[in-house]
Amino acid sequence: MKARVTIMPKTGVLDPQGEAIRHALTGLGFSGVAEVRQGKVIDLELEATDEEAARAEVGRMCEKLLANTVIESWRVELV
C-alpha cells in the first residue's frame, strides 16, 4: 500500500521559502501571485494491508519524525 504525506506550514506561520518563491515569480513577470506556501511531499510504500492501521501508523510517523507539529500540519492520502 502506498501513502502520500503532504506537509505544509500552519496558517499564521511565516514561510520565508514561500515568500522567496513569490518574489522570484513576480520578478519573472508573474504579477498575479498573491501568496505562496511551500511544503513537502513524502511518498511511502507500506507493507500494511488495512487502511485504518496504515493511516494510523503514518500519523505516528508524522508526529515523531516527518513533520514539526509545532509549525507544520500534515495530511495523509492512501494511494
PDB file of N, CA and C in Angstrom:
ATOM      1  N   MET A   1       0.852  -1.170   0.000  1.00  0.00           N
ATOM      2  CA  MET A   1       0.000   0.000   0.000  1.00  0.00           C
ATOM      3  C   MET A   1       0.901   1.237   0.000  1.00  0.00           C
ATOM      4  N   LYS A   2       0.496   2.246  -0.729  1.00  0.00           N
ATOM      5  CA  LYS A   2       1.267   3.491  -0.793  1.00  0.00           C
ATOM      6  C   LYS A   2       0.540   4.592  -0.028  1.00  0.00           C
ATOM      7  N   ALA A   3       1.338   5.405   0.628  1.00  0.00           N
ATOM      8  CA  ALA A   3       0.800   6.560   1.341  1.00  0.00           C
ATOM      9  C   ALA A   3       1.560   7.797   0.876  1.00  0.00           C
ATOM     10  N   ARG A   4       0.835   8.877   0.728  1.00  0.00           N
ATOM     11  CA  ARG A   4       1.434  10.166   0.379  1.00  0.00           C
ATOM     12  C   ARG A   4       1.135  11.140   1.513  1.00  0.00           C
ATOM     13  N   VAL A   5       2.195  11.720   2.072  1.00  0.00           N
ATOM     14  CA  VAL A   5       2.064  12.683   3.158  1.00  0.00           C
ATOM     15  C   VAL A   5       2.391  14.064   2.599  1.00  0.00           C
ATOM     16  N   THR A   6       1.474  14.997   2.777  1.00  0.00           N
ATOM     17  CA  THR A   6       1.697  16.387   2.379  1.00  0.00           C
ATOM     18  C   THR A   6       1.859  17.204   3.656  1.00  0.00           C
ATOM     19  N   ILE A   7       2.982  17.892   3.769  1.00  0.00           N
ATOM     20  CA  ILE A   7       3.302  18.668   4.960  1.00  0.00           C
ATOM     21  C   ILE A   7       3.423  20.137   4.555  1.00  0.00           C
ATOM     22  N   MET A   8       2.692  20.988   5.269  1.00  0.00           N
ATOM     23  CA  MET A   8       2.669  22.418   4.961  1.00  0.00           C
ATOM     24  C   MET A   8       2.820  23.226   6.242  1.00  0.00           C
ATOM     25  N   PRO A   9       3.350  24.452   6.128  1.00  0.00           N
ATOM     26  CA  PRO A   9       3.380  25.328   7.307  1.00  0.00           C
ATOM     27  C   PRO A   9       1.947  25.629   7.756  1.00  0.00           C
ATOM     28  N   LYS A  10       1.745  25.670   9.051  1.00  0.00           N
ATOM     29  CA  LYS A  10       0.419  26.006   9.579  1.00  0.00           C
ATOM     30  C   LYS A  10       0.068  27.442   9.224  1.00  0.00           C
ATOM     31  N   THR A  11      -1.226  27.709   9.161  1.00  0.00           N
ATOM     32  CA  THR A  11      -1.705  29.060   8.913  1.00  0.00           C
ATOM     33  C   THR A  11      -1.163  29.989  10.000  1.00  0.00           C
ATOM     34  N   GLY A  12      -0.642  31.123   9.591  1.00  0.00           N
ATOM     35  CA  GLY A  12      -0.103  32.092  10.531  1.00  0.00           C
ATOM     36  C   GLY A  12       1.390  31.946  10.779  1.00  0.00           C
ATOM     37  N   VAL A  13       1.973  30.839  10.329  1.00  0.00           N
ATOM     38  CA  VAL A  13       3.419  30.643  10.482  1.00  0.00           C
ATOM     39  C   VAL A  13       4.115  31.283   9.290  1.00  0.00           C
ATOM     40  N   LEU A  14       5.148  32.065   9.548  1.00  0.00           N
ATOM     41  CA  LEU A  14       5.897  32.685   8.459  1.00  0.00           C
ATOM     42  C   LEU A  14       6.500  31.607   7.569  1.00  0.00           C
ATOM     43  N   ASP A  15       6.494  31.858   6.264  1.00  0.00           N
ATOM     44  CA  ASP A  15       7.030  30.909   5.287  1.00  0.00           C
ATOM     45  C   ASP A  15       8.041  31.632   4.401  1.00  0.00           C
ATOM     46  N   PRO A  16       9.292  31.772   4.868  1.00  0.00           N
ATOM     47  CA  PRO A  16      10.274  32.521   4.087  1.00  0.00           C
ATOM     48  C   PRO A  16      10.566  31.905   2.723  1.00  0.00           C
ATOM     49  N   GLN A  17      10.516  30.570   2.606  1.00  0.00           N
ATOM     50  CA  GLN A  17      10.741  29.945   1.302  1.00  0.00           C
ATOM     51  C   GLN A  17       9.599  30.279   0.343  1.00  0.00           C
ATOM     52  N   GLY A  18       8.384  30.230   0.839  1.00  0.00           N
ATOM     53  CA  GLY A  18       7.248  30.601   0.009  1.00  0.00           C
ATOM     54  C   GLY A  18       7.322  32.049  -0.438  1.00  0.00           C
ATOM     55  N   GLU A  19       7.739  32.934   0.473  1.00  0.00           N
ATOM     56  CA  GLU A  19       7.868  34.357   0.135  1.00  0.00           C
ATOM     57  C   GLU A  19       8.972  34.571  -0.899  1.00  0.00           C
ATOM     58  N   ALA A  20      10.070  33.827  -0.786  1.00  0.00           N
ATOM     59  CA  ALA A  20      11.153  33.939  -1.777  1.00  0.00           C
ATOM     60  C   ALA A  20      10.671  33.476  -3.156  1.00  0.00           C
ATOM     61  N   ILE A  21       9.864  32.414  -3.193  1.00  0.00           N
ATOM     62  CA  ILE A  21       9.314  31.929  -4.464  1.00  0.00           C
ATOM     63  C   ILE A  21       8.378  32.979  -5.058  1.00  0.00           C
ATOM     64  N   ARG A  22       7.501  33.553  -4.205  1.00  0.00           N
ATOM     65  CA  ARG A  22       6.567  34.582  -4.688  1.00  0.00           C
ATOM     66  C   ARG A  22       7.336  35.769  -5.260  1.00  0.00           C
ATOM     67  N   HIS A  23       8.375  36.191  -4.565  1.00  0.00           N
ATOM     68  CA  HIS A  23       9.186  37.320  -5.026  1.00  0.00           C
ATOM     69  C   HIS A  23       9.856  36.995  -6.368  1.00  0.00           C
ATOM     70  N   ALA A  24      10.392  35.789  -6.497  1.00  0.00           N
ATOM     71  CA  ALA A  24      11.038  35.391  -7.755  1.00  0.00           C
ATOM     72  C   ALA A  24      10.029  35.326  -8.894  1.00  0.00           C
ATOM     73  N   LEU A  25       8.847  34.818  -8.628  1.00  0.00           N
ATOM     74  CA  LEU A  25       7.813  34.768  -9.669  1.00  0.00           C
ATOM     75  C   LEU A  25       7.427  36.175 -10.123  1.00  0.00           C
ATOM     76  N   THR A  26       7.310  37.086  -9.160  1.00  0.00           N
ATOM     77  CA  THR A  26       6.999  38.481  -9.508  1.00  0.00           C
ATOM     78  C   THR A  26       8.106  39.052 -10.384  1.00  0.00           C
ATOM     79  N   GLY A  27       9.355  38.763 -10.043  1.00  0.00           N
ATOM     80  CA  GLY A  27      10.490  39.237 -10.836  1.00  0.00           C
ATOM     81  C   GLY A  27      10.507  38.675 -12.244  1.00  0.00           C
ATOM     82  N   LEU A  28       9.901  37.498 -12.421  1.00  0.00           N
ATOM     83  CA  LEU A  28       9.826  36.881 -13.744  1.00  0.00           C
ATOM     84  C   LEU A  28       8.592  37.332 -14.532  1.00  0.00           C
ATOM     85  N   GLY A  29       7.822  38.247 -13.950  1.00  0.00           N
ATOM     86  CA  GLY A  29       6.674  38.790 -14.659  1.00  0.00           C
ATOM     87  C   GLY A  29       5.335  38.162 -14.303  1.00  0.00           C
ATOM     88  N   PHE A  30       5.306  37.255 -13.336  1.00  0.00           N
ATOM     89  CA  PHE A  30       4.042  36.635 -12.908  1.00  0.00           C
ATOM     90  C   PHE A  30       3.459  37.472 -11.771  1.00  0.00           C
ATOM     91  N   SER A  31       2.780  38.542 -12.131  1.00  0.00           N
ATOM     92  CA  SER A  31       2.339  39.525 -11.137  1.00  0.00           C
ATOM     93  C   SER A  31       1.054  39.130 -10.413  1.00  0.00           C
ATOM     94  N   GLY A  32       0.359  38.104 -10.844  1.00  0.00           N
ATOM     95  CA  GLY A  32      -0.918  37.734 -10.238  1.00  0.00           C
ATOM     96  C   GLY A  32      -0.812  36.792  -9.054  1.00  0.00           C
ATOM     97  N   VAL A  33       0.384  36.550  -8.535  1.00  0.00           N
ATOM     98  CA  VAL A  33       0.557  35.622  -7.420  1.00  0.00           C
ATOM     99  C   VAL A  33       0.567  36.412  -6.112  1.00  0.00           C
ATOM    100  N   ALA A  34      -0.458  36.220  -5.279  1.00  0.00           N
ATOM    101  CA  ALA A  34      -0.581  36.979  -4.038  1.00  0.00           C
ATOM    102  C   ALA A  34       0.156  36.313  -2.881  1.00  0.00           C
ATOM    103  N   GLU A  35       0.163  34.977  -2.834  1.00  0.00           N
ATOM    104  CA  GLU A  35       0.801  34.276  -1.726  1.00  0.00           C
ATOM    105  C   GLU A  35       1.284  32.912  -2.203  1.00  0.00           C
ATOM    106  N   VAL A  36       2.405  32.471  -1.673  1.00  0.00           N
ATOM    107  CA  VAL A  36       2.939  31.138  -1.954  1.00  0.00           C
ATOM    108  C   VAL A  36       3.250  30.475  -0.622  1.00  0.00           C
ATOM    109  N   ARG A  37       2.807  29.253  -0.446  1.00  0.00           N
ATOM    110  CA  ARG A  37       3.149  28.442   0.719  1.00  0.00           C
ATOM    111  C   ARG A  37       3.923  27.249   0.182  1.00  0.00           C
ATOM    112  N   GLN A  38       5.102  27.016   0.700  1.00  0.00           N
ATOM    113  CA  GLN A  38       5.959  25.943   0.207  1.00  0.00           C
ATOM    114  C   GLN A  38       6.004  24.838   1.256  1.00  0.00           C
ATOM    115  N   GLY A  39       5.766  23.602   0.814  1.00  0.00           N
ATOM    116  CA  GLY A  39       5.782  22.471   1.729  1.00  0.00           C
ATOM    117  C   GLY A  39       6.580  21.325   1.152  1.00  0.00           C
ATOM    118  N   LYS A  40       6.261  20.126   1.614  1.00  0.00           N
ATOM    119  CA  LYS A  40       6.952  18.948   1.109  1.00  0.00           C
ATOM    120  C   LYS A  40       5.977  17.783   0.991  1.00  0.00           C
ATOM    121  N   VAL A  41       6.305  16.860   0.095  1.00  0.00           N
ATOM    122  CA  VAL A  41       5.506  15.653  -0.124  1.00  0.00           C
ATOM    123  C   VAL A  41       6.420  14.461   0.088  1.00  0.00           C
ATOM    124  N   ILE A  42       5.948  13.495   0.869  1.00  0.00           N
ATOM    125  CA  ILE A  42       6.708  12.275   1.132  1.00  0.00           C
ATOM    126  C   ILE A  42       5.849  11.088   0.726  1.00  0.00           C
ATOM    127  N   ASP A  43       6.363  10.244  -0.165  1.00  0.00           N
ATOM    128  CA  ASP A  43       5.678   9.023  -0.574  1.00  0.00           C
ATOM    129  C   ASP A  43       6.283   7.841   0.169  1.00  0.00           C
ATOM    130  N   LEU A  44       5.420   7.013   0.727  1.00  0.00           N
ATOM    131  CA  LEU A  44       5.849   5.839   1.490  1.00  0.00           C
ATOM    132  C   LEU A  44       5.233   4.582   0.892  1.00  0.00           C
ATOM    133  N   GLU A  45       6.001   3.525   0.818  1.00  0.00           N
ATOM    134  CA  GLU A  45       5.498   2.210   0.426  1.00  0.00           C
ATOM    135  C   GLU A  45       5.382   1.407   1.720  1.00  0.00           C
ATOM    136  N   LEU A  46       4.161   1.020   2.065  1.00  0.00           N
ATOM    137  CA  LEU A  46       3.896   0.330   3.331  1.00  0.00           C
ATOM    138  C   LEU A  46       3.563  -1.137   3.092  1.00  0.00           C
ATOM    139  N   GLU A  47       3.883  -1.962   4.068  1.00  0.00           N
ATOM    140  CA  GLU A  47       3.530  -3.371   3.991  1.00  0.00           C
ATOM    141  C   GLU A  47       2.117  -3.619   4.513  1.00  0.00           C
ATOM    142  N   ALA A  48       1.528  -2.649   5.175  1.00  0.00           N
ATOM    143  CA  ALA A  48       0.201  -2.797   5.765  1.00  0.00           C
ATOM    144  C   ALA A  48      -0.848  -3.084   4.697  1.00  0.00           C
ATOM    145  N   THR A  49      -1.857  -3.856   5.064  1.00  0.00           N
ATOM    146  CA  THR A  49      -2.971  -4.141   4.155  1.00  0.00           C
ATOM    147  C   THR A  49      -4.272  -3.504   4.648  1.00  0.00           C
ATOM    148  N   ASP A  50      -4.327  -3.127   5.905  1.00  0.00           N
ATOM    149  CA  ASP A  50      -5.512  -2.498   6.483  1.00  0.00           C
ATOM    150  C   ASP A  50      -5.363  -0.978   6.396  1.00  0.00           C
ATOM    151  N   GLU A  51      -6.296  -0.310   5.727  1.00  0.00           N
ATOM    152  CA  GLU A  51      -6.191   1.144   5.511  1.00  0.00           C
ATOM    153  C   GLU A  51      -6.182   1.930   6.811  1.00  0.00           C
ATOM    154  N   GLU A  52      -7.032   1.567   7.747  1.00  0.00           N
ATOM    155  CA  GLU A  52      -7.106   2.301   9.005  1.00  0.00           C
ATOM    156  C   GLU A  52      -5.804   2.169   9.792  1.00  0.00           C
ATOM    157  N   ALA A  53      -5.237   0.964   9.832  1.00  0.00           N
ATOM    158  CA  ALA A  53      -3.967   0.749  10.533  1.00  0.00           C
ATOM    159  C   ALA A  53      -2.836   1.500   9.834  1.00  0.00           C
ATOM    160  N   ALA A  54      -2.842   1.496   8.503  1.00  0.00           N
ATOM    161  CA  ALA A  54      -1.806   2.200   7.741  1.00  0.00           C
ATOM    162  C   ALA A  54      -1.878   3.696   8.008  1.00  0.00           C
ATOM    163  N   ARG A  55      -3.077   4.240   7.984  1.00  0.00           N
ATOM    164  CA  ARG A  55      -3.254   5.678   8.229  1.00  0.00           C
ATOM    165  C   ARG A  55      -2.765   6.049   9.635  1.00  0.00           C
ATOM    166  N   ALA A  56      -3.086   5.208  10.620  1.00  0.00           N
ATOM    167  CA  ALA A  56      -2.658   5.462  11.997  1.00  0.00           C
ATOM    168  C   ALA A  56      -1.138   5.386  12.121  1.00  0.00           C
ATOM    169  N   GLU A  57      -0.525   4.414  11.454  1.00  0.00           N
ATOM    170  CA  GLU A  57       0.925   4.263  11.505  1.00  0.00           C
ATOM    171  C   GLU A  57       1.627   5.467  10.875  1.00  0.00           C
ATOM    172  N   VAL A  58       1.127   5.915   9.734  1.00  0.00           N
ATOM    173  CA  VAL A  58       1.724   7.083   9.079  1.00  0.00           C
ATOM    174  C   VAL A  58       1.525   8.320   9.948  1.00  0.00           C
ATOM    175  N   GLY A  59       0.399   8.426  10.605  1.00  0.00           N
ATOM    176  CA  GLY A  59       0.168   9.537  11.529  1.00  0.00           C
ATOM    177  C   GLY A  59       1.206   9.566  12.642  1.00  0.00           C
ATOM    178  N   ARG A  60       1.526   8.402  13.177  1.00  0.00           N
ATOM    179  CA  ARG A  60       2.564   8.330  14.212  1.00  0.00           C
ATOM    180  C   ARG A  60       3.926   8.728  13.643  1.00  0.00           C
ATOM    181  N   MET A  61       4.199   8.328  12.391  1.00  0.00           N
ATOM    182  CA  MET A  61       5.459   8.722  11.734  1.00  0.00           C
ATOM    183  C   MET A  61       5.550  10.238  11.625  1.00  0.00           C
ATOM    184  N   CYS A  62       4.444  10.862  11.249  1.00  0.00           N
ATOM    185  CA  CYS A  62       4.421  12.324  11.113  1.00  0.00           C
ATOM    186  C   CYS A  62       4.680  12.997  12.449  1.00  0.00           C
ATOM    187  N   GLU A  63       4.024  12.509  13.492  1.00  0.00           N
ATOM    188  CA  GLU A  63       4.166  13.123  14.805  1.00  0.00           C
ATOM    189  C   GLU A  63       5.560  12.939  15.389  1.00  0.00           C
ATOM    190  N   LYS A  64       6.227  11.824  15.070  1.00  0.00           N
ATOM    191  CA  LYS A  64       7.539  11.541  15.653  1.00  0.00           C
ATOM    192  C   LYS A  64       8.709  12.043  14.819  1.00  0.00           C
ATOM    193  N   LEU A  65       8.552  12.115  13.469  1.00  0.00           N
ATOM    194  CA  LEU A  65       9.713  12.430  12.647  1.00  0.00           C
ATOM    195  C   LEU A  65       9.421  13.322  11.441  1.00  0.00           C
ATOM    196  N   LEU A  66       8.407  13.001  10.679  1.00  0.00           N
ATOM    197  CA  LEU A  66       8.246  13.619   9.364  1.00  0.00           C
ATOM    198  C   LEU A  66       7.840  15.092   9.415  1.00  0.00           C
ATOM    199  N   ALA A  67       7.044  15.478  10.402  1.00  0.00           N
ATOM    200  CA  ALA A  67       6.561  16.862  10.482  1.00  0.00           C
ATOM    201  C   ALA A  67       6.968  17.486  11.814  1.00  0.00           C
ATOM    202  N   ASN A  68       7.223  18.777  11.774  1.00  0.00           N
ATOM    203  CA  ASN A  68       7.413  19.542  13.007  1.00  0.00           C
ATOM    204  C   ASN A  68       6.020  20.020  13.406  1.00  0.00           C
ATOM    205  N   THR A  69       5.378  19.298  14.320  1.00  0.00           N
ATOM    206  CA  THR A  69       3.968  19.536  14.616  1.00  0.00           C
ATOM    207  C   THR A  69       3.705  20.887  15.272  1.00  0.00           C
ATOM    208  N   VAL A  70       4.745  21.580  15.700  1.00  0.00           N
ATOM    209  CA  VAL A  70       4.557  22.914  16.270  1.00  0.00           C
ATOM    210  C   VAL A  70       4.213  23.911  15.163  1.00  0.00           C
ATOM    211  N   ILE A  71       4.874  23.790  14.008  1.00  0.00           N
ATOM    212  CA  ILE A  71       4.694  24.782  12.946  1.00  0.00           C
ATOM    213  C   ILE A  71       4.155  24.199  11.642  1.00  0.00           C
ATOM    214  N   GLU A  72       3.985  22.874  11.568  1.00  0.00           N
ATOM    215  CA  GLU A  72       3.532  22.257  10.324  1.00  0.00           C
ATOM    216  C   GLU A  72       2.285  21.404  10.557  1.00  0.00           C
ATOM    217  N   SER A  73       1.431  21.378   9.558  1.00  0.00           N
ATOM    218  CA  SER A  73       0.297  20.455   9.551  1.00  0.00           C
ATOM    219  C   SER A  73       0.560  19.413   8.470  1.00  0.00           C
ATOM    220  N   TRP A  74      -0.102  18.277   8.572  1.00  0.00           N
ATOM    221  CA  TRP A  74       0.125  17.217   7.597  1.00  0.00           C
ATOM    222  C   TRP A  74      -1.197  16.547   7.235  1.00  0.00           C
ATOM    223  N   ARG A  75      -1.188  15.950   6.056  1.00  0.00           N
ATOM    224  CA  ARG A  75      -2.363  15.236   5.538  1.00  0.00           C
ATOM    225  C   ARG A  75      -1.864  13.933   4.914  1.00  0.00           C
ATOM    226  N   VAL A  76      -2.566  12.845   5.169  1.00  0.00           N
ATOM    227  CA  VAL A  76      -2.198  11.533   4.636  1.00  0.00           C
ATOM    228  C   VAL A  76      -3.226  11.099   3.622  1.00  0.00           C
ATOM    229  N   GLU A  77      -2.745  10.667   2.449  1.00  0.00           N
ATOM    230  CA  GLU A  77      -3.590  10.069   1.411  1.00  0.00           C
ATOM    231  C   GLU A  77      -3.068   8.668   1.167  1.00  0.00           C
ATOM    232  N   LEU A  78      -3.956   7.703   1.126  1.00  0.00           N
ATOM    233  CA  LEU A  78      -3.570   6.361   0.731  1.00  0.00           C
ATOM    234  C   LEU A  78      -3.841   6.241  -0.754  1.00  0.00           C
ATOM    235  N   VAL A  79      -2.792   5.915  -1.504  1.00  0.00           N
ATOM    236  CA  VAL A  79      -2.916   5.871  -2.975  1.00  0.00           C
ATOM    237  C   VAL A  79      -2.594   4.492  -3.511  1.00  0.00           C
TER     238      VAL A  79
END
